[in-house]
PDB file of N, CA and C in Angstrom:
ATOM      1  N   MET A   1     168.638  51.261  66.001  1.00  0.00           N
ATOM      2  CA  MET A   1     167.468  51.499  65.180  1.00  0.00           C
ATOM      3  C   MET A   1     167.519  52.894  64.552  1.00  0.00           C
ATOM      4  N   GLY A   2     168.041  53.825  65.318  1.00  0.00           N
ATOM      5  CA  GLY A   2     168.142  55.191  64.814  1.00  0.00           C
ATOM      6  C   GLY A   2     169.025  55.286  63.583  1.00  0.00           C
ATOM      7  N   LYS A   3     170.088  54.483  63.540  1.00  0.00           N
ATOM      8  CA  LYS A   3     170.980  54.495  62.375  1.00  0.00           C
ATOM      9  C   LYS A   3     170.265  53.983  61.130  1.00  0.00           C
ATOM     10  N   PHE A   4     169.443  52.963  61.289  1.00  0.00           N
ATOM     11  CA  PHE A   4     168.687  52.463  60.144  1.00  0.00           C
ATOM     12  C   PHE A   4     167.693  53.518  59.660  1.00  0.00           C
ATOM     13  N   ARG A   5     167.054  54.175  60.605  1.00  0.00           N
ATOM     14  CA  ARG A   5     166.094  55.224  60.251  1.00  0.00           C
ATOM     15  C   ARG A   5     166.776  56.335  59.463  1.00  0.00           C
ATOM     16  N   LYS A   6     167.936  56.792  59.951  1.00  0.00           N
ATOM     17  CA  LYS A   6     168.667  57.849  59.253  1.00  0.00           C
ATOM     18  C   LYS A   6     169.104  57.394  57.864  1.00  0.00           C
ATOM     19  N   ALA A   7     169.526  56.152  57.756  1.00  0.00           N
ATOM     20  CA  ALA A   7     169.937  55.631  56.453  1.00  0.00           C
ATOM     21  C   ALA A   7     168.767  55.631  55.476  1.00  0.00           C
ATOM     22  N   LEU A   8     167.599  55.202  55.941  1.00  0.00           N
ATOM     23  CA  LEU A   8     166.422  55.189  55.063  1.00  0.00           C
ATOM     24  C   LEU A   8     165.990  56.612  54.719  1.00  0.00           C
ATOM     25  N   GLU A   9     166.117  57.533  55.653  1.00  0.00           N
ATOM     26  CA  GLU A   9     165.765  58.921  55.372  1.00  0.00           C
ATOM     27  C   GLU A   9     166.717  59.539  54.350  1.00  0.00           C
ATOM     28  N   SER A  10     167.990  59.132  54.383  1.00  0.00           N
ATOM     29  CA  SER A  10     168.942  59.674  53.418  1.00  0.00           C
ATOM     30  C   SER A  10     168.667  59.165  52.009  1.00  0.00           C
ATOM     31  N   LEU A  11     167.923  58.086  51.905  1.00  0.00           N
ATOM     32  CA  LEU A  11     167.521  57.542  50.605  1.00  0.00           C
ATOM     33  C   LEU A  11     166.055  57.859  50.317  1.00  0.00           C
ATOM     34  N   SER A  12     165.547  58.915  50.928  1.00  0.00           N
ATOM     35  CA  SER A  12     164.110  59.185  50.914  1.00  0.00           C
ATOM     36  C   SER A  12     163.490  59.195  49.519  1.00  0.00           C
ATOM     37  N   ALA A  13     164.167  59.740  48.526  1.00  0.00           N
ATOM     38  CA  ALA A  13     163.584  59.785  47.177  1.00  0.00           C
ATOM     39  C   ALA A  13     163.333  58.386  46.642  1.00  0.00           C
ATOM     40  N   HIS A  14     164.174  57.449  47.008  1.00  0.00           N
ATOM     41  CA  HIS A  14     164.014  56.068  46.540  1.00  0.00           C
ATOM     42  C   HIS A  14     163.029  55.292  47.411  1.00  0.00           C
ATOM     43  N   VAL A  15     163.097  55.512  48.706  1.00  0.00           N
ATOM     44  CA  VAL A  15     162.242  54.790  49.645  1.00  0.00           C
ATOM     45  C   VAL A  15     160.785  55.238  49.519  1.00  0.00           C
ATOM     46  N   GLU A  16     160.582  56.534  49.322  1.00  0.00           N
ATOM     47  CA  GLU A  16     159.220  57.057  49.285  1.00  0.00           C
ATOM     48  C   GLU A  16     158.382  56.461  48.168  1.00  0.00           C
ATOM     49  N   THR A  17     158.995  56.137  47.032  1.00  0.00           N
ATOM     50  CA  THR A  17     158.228  55.611  45.897  1.00  0.00           C
ATOM     51  C   THR A  17     158.478  54.132  45.656  1.00  0.00           C
ATOM     52  N   CYS A  18     159.197  53.504  46.556  1.00  0.00           N
ATOM     53  CA  CYS A  18     159.542  52.091  46.422  1.00  0.00           C
ATOM     54  C   CYS A  18     158.291  51.220  46.576  1.00  0.00           C
ATOM     55  N   GLY A  19     158.209  50.170  45.788  1.00  0.00           N
ATOM     56  CA  GLY A  19     157.105  49.228  45.902  1.00  0.00           C
ATOM     57  C   GLY A  19     157.591  47.829  46.221  1.00  0.00           C
ATOM     58  N   CYS A  20     158.717  47.716  46.905  1.00  0.00           N
ATOM     59  CA  CYS A  20     159.334  46.426  47.222  1.00  0.00           C
ATOM     60  C   CYS A  20     159.188  46.103  48.708  1.00  0.00           C
ATOM     61  N   SER A  21     159.546  44.883  49.037  1.00  0.00           N
ATOM     62  CA  SER A  21     159.592  44.459  50.432  1.00  0.00           C
ATOM     63  C   SER A  21     161.039  44.154  50.791  1.00  0.00           C
ATOM     64  N   PHE A  22     161.411  44.477  52.030  1.00  0.00           N
ATOM     65  CA  PHE A  22     162.766  44.231  52.510  1.00  0.00           C
ATOM     66  C   PHE A  22     162.690  43.536  53.858  1.00  0.00           C
ATOM     67  N   LEU A  23     163.586  42.597  54.073  1.00  0.00           N
ATOM     68  CA  LEU A  23     163.696  41.931  55.364  1.00  0.00           C
ATOM     69  C   LEU A  23     164.887  42.516  56.094  1.00  0.00           C
ATOM     70  N   PHE A  24     164.650  43.076  57.264  1.00  0.00           N
ATOM     71  CA  PHE A  24     165.714  43.572  58.125  1.00  0.00           C
ATOM     72  C   PHE A  24     165.901  42.543  59.230  1.00  0.00           C
ATOM     73  N   ALA A  25     167.123  42.083  59.392  1.00  0.00           N
ATOM     74  CA  ALA A  25     167.437  41.108  60.433  1.00  0.00           C
ATOM     75  C   ALA A  25     168.676  41.590  61.173  1.00  0.00           C
ATOM     76  N   ILE A  26     168.560  41.696  62.485  1.00  0.00           N
ATOM     77  CA  ILE A  26     169.652  42.176  63.318  1.00  0.00           C
ATOM     78  C   ILE A  26     169.960  41.094  64.341  1.00  0.00           C
ATOM     79  N   CYS A  27     171.177  40.603  64.306  1.00  0.00           N
ATOM     80  CA  CYS A  27     171.594  39.542  65.220  1.00  0.00           C
ATOM     81  C   CYS A  27     172.653  40.101  66.162  1.00  0.00           C
ATOM     82  N   VAL A  28     172.418  39.949  67.459  1.00  0.00           N
ATOM     83  CA  VAL A  28     173.385  40.368  68.473  1.00  0.00           C
ATOM     84  C   VAL A  28     173.876  39.097  69.152  1.00  0.00           C
ATOM     85  N   LEU A  29     175.076  38.667  68.786  1.00  0.00           N
ATOM     86  CA  LEU A  29     175.583  37.392  69.262  1.00  0.00           C
ATOM     87  C   LEU A  29     175.798  37.362  70.770  1.00  0.00           C
ATOM     88  N   ARG A  30     176.318  38.446  71.317  1.00  0.00           N
ATOM     89  CA  ARG A  30     176.585  38.464  72.767  1.00  0.00           C
ATOM     90  C   ARG A  30     175.317  38.329  73.589  1.00  0.00           C
ATOM     91  N   LYS A  31     174.236  38.886  73.086  1.00  0.00           N
ATOM     92  CA  LYS A  31     172.961  38.795  73.802  1.00  0.00           C
ATOM     93  C   LYS A  31     172.204  37.542  73.419  1.00  0.00           C
ATOM     94  N   GLY A  32     172.615  36.898  72.338  1.00  0.00           N
ATOM     95  CA  GLY A  32     171.929  35.697  71.889  1.00  0.00           C
ATOM     96  C   GLY A  32     170.525  35.992  71.390  1.00  0.00           C
ATOM     97  N   CYS A  33     170.404  37.034  70.563  1.00  0.00           N
ATOM     98  CA  CYS A  33     169.066  37.350  70.056  1.00  0.00           C
ATOM     99  C   CYS A  33     169.114  37.779  68.591  1.00  0.00           C
ATOM    100  N   LEU A  34     168.009  37.538  67.938  1.00  0.00           N
ATOM    101  CA  LEU A  34     167.820  37.919  66.546  1.00  0.00           C
ATOM    102  C   LEU A  34     166.493  38.658  66.461  1.00  0.00           C
ATOM    103  N   GLN A  35     166.529  39.858  65.903  1.00  0.00           N
ATOM    104  CA  GLN A  35     165.309  40.631  65.670  1.00  0.00           C
ATOM    105  C   GLN A  35     165.114  40.713  64.172  1.00  0.00           C
ATOM    106  N   LEU A  36     163.888  40.471  63.711  1.00  0.00           N
ATOM    107  CA  LEU A  36     163.648  40.612  62.292  1.00  0.00           C
ATOM    108  C   LEU A  36     162.275  41.184  62.018  1.00  0.00           C
ATOM    109  N   ARG A  37     162.212  41.815  60.853  1.00  0.00           N
ATOM    110  CA  ARG A  37     160.954  42.439  60.451  1.00  0.00           C
ATOM    111  C   ARG A  37     160.967  42.697  58.952  1.00  0.00           C
ATOM    112  N   TRP A  38     159.840  42.401  58.322  1.00  0.00           N
ATOM    113  CA  TRP A  38     159.641  42.743  56.915  1.00  0.00           C
ATOM    114  C   TRP A  38     159.117  44.164  56.839  1.00  0.00           C
ATOM    115  N   LEU A  39     159.654  44.935  55.924  1.00  0.00           N
ATOM    116  CA  LEU A  39     159.123  46.255  55.612  1.00  0.00           C
ATOM    117  C   LEU A  39     158.513  46.160  54.227  1.00  0.00           C
ATOM    118  N   ASP A  40     157.207  46.315  54.164  1.00  0.00           N
ATOM    119  CA  ASP A  40     156.475  46.215  52.904  1.00  0.00           C
ATOM    120  C   ASP A  40     156.124  47.606  52.410  1.00  0.00           C
ATOM    121  N   PHE A  41     156.859  48.071  51.416  1.00  0.00           N
ATOM    122  CA  PHE A  41     156.590  49.369  50.817  1.00  0.00           C
ATOM    123  C   PHE A  41     155.603  49.194  49.663  1.00  0.00           C
ATOM    124  N   THR A  42     154.697  50.154  49.515  1.00  0.00           N
ATOM    125  CA  THR A  42     153.625  50.032  48.526  1.00  0.00           C
ATOM    126  C   THR A  42     153.775  50.971  47.340  1.00  0.00           C
ATOM    127  N   GLY A  43     154.730  51.888  47.397  1.00  0.00           N
ATOM    128  CA  GLY A  43     154.858  52.877  46.340  1.00  0.00           C
ATOM    129  C   GLY A  43     154.170  54.183  46.686  1.00  0.00           C
ATOM    130  N   ASP A  44     153.357  54.167  47.746  1.00  0.00           N
ATOM    131  CA  ASP A  44     152.669  55.365  48.209  1.00  0.00           C
ATOM    132  C   ASP A  44     153.567  56.082  49.217  1.00  0.00           C
ATOM    133  N   VAL A  45     153.857  57.352  48.963  1.00  0.00           N
ATOM    134  CA  VAL A  45     154.799  58.120  49.782  1.00  0.00           C
ATOM    135  C   VAL A  45     154.410  58.109  51.249  1.00  0.00           C
ATOM    136  N   GLU A  46     153.177  58.442  51.567  1.00  0.00           N
ATOM    137  CA  GLU A  46     152.752  58.519  52.969  1.00  0.00           C
ATOM    138  C   GLU A  46     152.801  57.155  53.641  1.00  0.00           C
ATOM    139  N   ASN A  47     152.362  56.121  52.949  1.00  0.00           N
ATOM    140  CA  ASN A  47     152.403  54.778  53.522  1.00  0.00           C
ATOM    141  C   ASN A  47     153.844  54.348  53.784  1.00  0.00           C
ATOM    142  N   ASN A  48     154.725  54.607  52.840  1.00  0.00           N
ATOM    143  CA  ASN A  48     156.116  54.200  53.013  1.00  0.00           C
ATOM    144  C   ASN A  48     156.778  54.928  54.183  1.00  0.00           C
ATOM    145  N   ARG A  49     156.469  56.187  54.355  1.00  0.00           N
ATOM    146  CA  ARG A  49     156.994  56.920  55.514  1.00  0.00           C
ATOM    147  C   ARG A  49     156.457  56.318  56.809  1.00  0.00           C
ATOM    148  N   ALA A  50     155.193  55.945  56.813  1.00  0.00           N
ATOM    149  CA  ALA A  50     154.581  55.336  58.003  1.00  0.00           C
ATOM    150  C   ALA A  50     155.230  53.983  58.319  1.00  0.00           C
ATOM    151  N   VAL A  51     155.579  53.221  57.285  1.00  0.00           N
ATOM    152  CA  VAL A  51     156.240  51.926  57.485  1.00  0.00           C
ATOM    153  C   VAL A  51     157.578  52.132  58.184  1.00  0.00           C
ATOM    154  N   VAL A  52     158.352  53.118  57.730  1.00  0.00           N
ATOM    155  CA  VAL A  52     159.651  53.413  58.349  1.00  0.00           C
ATOM    156  C   VAL A  52     159.454  53.891  59.780  1.00  0.00           C
ATOM    157  N   ASP A  53     158.492  54.789  59.990  1.00  0.00           N
ATOM    158  CA  ASP A  53     158.219  55.291  61.349  1.00  0.00           C
ATOM    159  C   ASP A  53     157.814  54.157  62.283  1.00  0.00           C
ATOM    160  N   ASP A  54     156.985  53.260  61.796  1.00  0.00           N
ATOM    161  CA  ASP A  54     156.515  52.155  62.621  1.00  0.00           C
ATOM    162  C   ASP A  54     157.653  51.188  62.955  1.00  0.00           C
ATOM    163  N   ALA A  55     158.517  50.940  61.991  1.00  0.00           N
ATOM    164  CA  ALA A  55     159.595  49.974  62.201  1.00  0.00           C
ATOM    165  C   ALA A  55     160.716  50.525  63.062  1.00  0.00           C
ATOM    166  N   PHE A  56     161.087  51.784  62.823  1.00  0.00           N
ATOM    167  CA  PHE A  56     162.259  52.333  63.489  1.00  0.00           C
ATOM    168  C   PHE A  56     161.940  53.465  64.450  1.00  0.00           C
ATOM    169  N   GLY A  57     160.691  53.912  64.488  1.00  0.00           N
ATOM    170  CA  GLY A  57     160.242  54.910  65.440  1.00  0.00           C
ATOM    171  C   GLY A  57     160.994  56.216  65.394  1.00  0.00           C
ATOM    172  N   LYS A  58     160.268  57.291  65.531  1.00  0.00           N
ATOM    173  CA  LYS A  58     160.897  58.610  65.544  1.00  0.00           C
ATOM    174  C   LYS A  58     161.760  58.795  66.773  1.00  0.00           C
ATOM    175  N   ASP A  59     161.426  58.100  67.859  1.00  0.00           N
ATOM    176  CA  ASP A  59     162.180  58.230  69.105  1.00  0.00           C
ATOM    177  C   ASP A  59     163.289  57.181  69.219  1.00  0.00           C
ATOM    178  N   GLY A  60     163.532  56.438  68.123  1.00  0.00           N
ATOM    179  CA  GLY A  60     164.581  55.418  68.135  1.00  0.00           C
ATOM    180  C   GLY A  60     164.125  54.070  68.640  1.00  0.00           C
ATOM    181  N   ARG A  61     162.876  53.977  69.057  1.00  0.00           N
ATOM    182  CA  ARG A  61     162.353  52.697  69.543  1.00  0.00           C
ATOM    183  C   ARG A  61     161.645  51.967  68.407  1.00  0.00           C
ATOM    184  N   SER A  62     161.762  50.674  68.429  1.00  0.00           N
ATOM    185  CA  SER A  62     161.142  49.873  67.388  1.00  0.00           C
ATOM    186  C   SER A  62     159.872  49.219  67.907  1.00  0.00           C
ATOM    187  N   LYS A  63     158.995  48.890  66.991  1.00  0.00           N
ATOM    188  CA  LYS A  63     157.740  48.238  67.347  1.00  0.00           C
ATOM    189  C   LYS A  63     157.533  47.021  66.448  1.00  0.00           C
ATOM    190  N   ALA A  64     156.891  46.016  66.967  1.00  0.00           N
ATOM    191  CA  ALA A  64     156.431  44.849  66.209  1.00  0.00           C
ATOM    192  C   ALA A  64     157.539  44.086  65.494  1.00  0.00           C
ATOM    193  N   TRP A  65     158.691  44.001  66.082  1.00  0.00           N
ATOM    194  CA  TRP A  65     159.756  43.175  65.536  1.00  0.00           C
ATOM    195  C   TRP A  65     159.621  41.782  66.125  1.00  0.00           C
ATOM    196  N   GLN A  66     159.934  40.768  65.334  1.00  0.00           N
ATOM    197  CA  GLN A  66     159.963  39.400  65.841  1.00  0.00           C
ATOM    198  C   GLN A  66     161.285  39.222  66.588  1.00  0.00           C
ATOM    199  N   LEU A  67     161.210  38.687  67.776  1.00  0.00           N
ATOM    200  CA  LEU A  67     162.405  38.467  68.581  1.00  0.00           C
ATOM    201  C   LEU A  67     162.604  36.971  68.775  1.00  0.00           C
ATOM    202  N   HIS A  68     163.794  36.522  68.444  1.00  0.00           N
ATOM    203  CA  HIS A  68     164.170  35.125  68.637  1.00  0.00           C
ATOM    204  C   HIS A  68     165.402  35.105  69.531  1.00  0.00           C
ATOM    205  N   GLU A  69     165.276  34.421  70.645  1.00  0.00           N
ATOM    206  CA  GLU A  69     166.412  34.314  71.550  1.00  0.00           C
ATOM    207  C   GLU A  69     167.003  32.919  71.425  1.00  0.00           C
ATOM    208  N   PHE A  70     168.315  32.861  71.463  1.00  0.00           N
ATOM    209  CA  PHE A  70     168.991  31.582  71.371  1.00  0.00           C
ATOM    210  C   PHE A  70     170.141  31.561  72.374  1.00  0.00           C
ATOM    211  N   GLU A  71     170.593  30.378  72.664  1.00  0.00           N
ATOM    212  CA  GLU A  71     171.664  30.232  73.636  1.00  0.00           C
ATOM    213  C   GLU A  71     172.995  30.513  72.962  1.00  0.00           C
ATOM    214  N   ASN A  72     173.785  31.345  73.580  1.00  0.00           N
ATOM    215  CA  ASN A  72     175.105  31.663  73.086  1.00  0.00           C
ATOM    216  C   ASN A  72     176.079  30.658  73.698  1.00  0.00           C
ATOM    217  N   PRO A  73     176.629  29.721  72.900  1.00  0.00           N
ATOM    218  CA  PRO A  73     177.483  28.682  73.474  1.00  0.00           C
ATOM    219  C   PRO A  73     178.745  29.229  74.129  1.00  0.00           C
ATOM    220  N   VAL A  74     179.302  30.317  73.641  1.00  0.00           N
ATOM    221  CA  VAL A  74     180.500  30.908  74.246  1.00  0.00           C
ATOM    222  C   VAL A  74     180.157  31.474  75.612  1.00  0.00           C
ATOM    223  N   GLN A  75     179.046  32.189  75.722  1.00  0.00           N
ATOM    224  CA  GLN A  75     178.622  32.756  76.996  1.00  0.00           C
ATOM    225  C   GLN A  75     178.332  31.644  77.997  1.00  0.00           C
ATOM    226  N   LYS A  76     177.665  30.571  77.543  1.00  0.00           N
ATOM    227  CA  LYS A  76     177.355  29.448  78.421  1.00  0.00           C
ATOM    228  C   LYS A  76     178.643  28.808  78.927  1.00  0.00           C
ATOM    229  N   GLU A  77     179.620  28.669  78.063  1.00  0.00           N
ATOM    230  CA  GLU A  77     180.895  28.076  78.447  1.00  0.00           C
ATOM    231  C   GLU A  77     181.572  28.903  79.538  1.00  0.00           C
ATOM    232  N   LEU A  78     181.515  30.225  79.424  1.00  0.00           N
ATOM    233  CA  LEU A  78     182.116  31.093  80.428  1.00  0.00           C
ATOM    234  C   LEU A  78     181.390  30.984  81.772  1.00  0.00           C
ATOM    235  N   VAL A  79     180.074  30.889  81.726  1.00  0.00           N
ATOM    236  CA  VAL A  79     179.280  30.806  82.944  1.00  0.00           C
ATOM    237  C   VAL A  79     179.485  29.453  83.642  1.00  0.00           C
ATOM    238  N   ASP A  80     179.589  28.388  82.845  1.00  0.00           N
ATOM    239  CA  ASP A  80     179.711  27.029  83.409  1.00  0.00           C
ATOM    240  C   ASP A  80     181.132  26.637  83.771  1.00  0.00           C
ATOM    241  N   THR A  81     182.118  27.445  83.415  1.00  0.00           N
ATOM    242  CA  THR A  81     183.509  27.093  83.692  1.00  0.00           C
ATOM    243  C   THR A  81     183.880  27.518  85.106  1.00  0.00           C
ATOM    244  N   PRO A  82     184.304  26.557  85.942  1.00  0.00           N
ATOM    245  CA  PRO A  82     184.695  26.898  87.321  1.00  0.00           C
ATOM    246  C   PRO A  82     185.872  27.862  87.311  1.00  0.00           C
ATOM    247  N   GLY A  83     185.846  28.822  88.208  1.00  0.00           N
ATOM    248  CA  GLY A  83     186.932  29.773  88.344  1.00  0.00           C
ATOM    249  C   GLY A  83     186.847  30.973  87.426  1.00  0.00           C
ATOM    250  N   VAL A  84     185.875  30.995  86.512  1.00  0.00           N
ATOM    251  CA  VAL A  84     185.725  32.131  85.594  1.00  0.00           C
ATOM    252  C   VAL A  84     184.727  33.098  86.217  1.00  0.00           C
ATOM    253  N   LEU A  85     185.141  34.341  86.334  1.00  0.00           N
ATOM    254  CA  LEU A  85     184.259  35.345  86.895  1.00  0.00           C
ATOM    255  C   LEU A  85     183.085  35.604  85.969  1.00  0.00           C
ATOM    256  N   LYS A  86     181.935  35.775  86.557  1.00  0.00           N
ATOM    257  CA  LYS A  86     180.725  36.027  85.770  1.00  0.00           C
ATOM    258  C   LYS A  86     180.520  37.496  85.634  1.00  0.00           C
TER     259      LYS A  86
END
């Protein structure tokens, strides 16, 4: 999350006045999870900064992301295979 925050900060002149919406989706296959969140920028500098802070947090923690967990078929195969160490 911190990397996304830094990337958005490096584009601050564009992000601060942006009036668009962006969908951020992060999929971690090994964990079998998908996190997603819309960032709705309004064109207002303070609001846009607050959107970034809320999504990616100053401390690197994220808030209010949708989490979808799914079964990883490769991981399941390893767990269900006799003789394979877990």
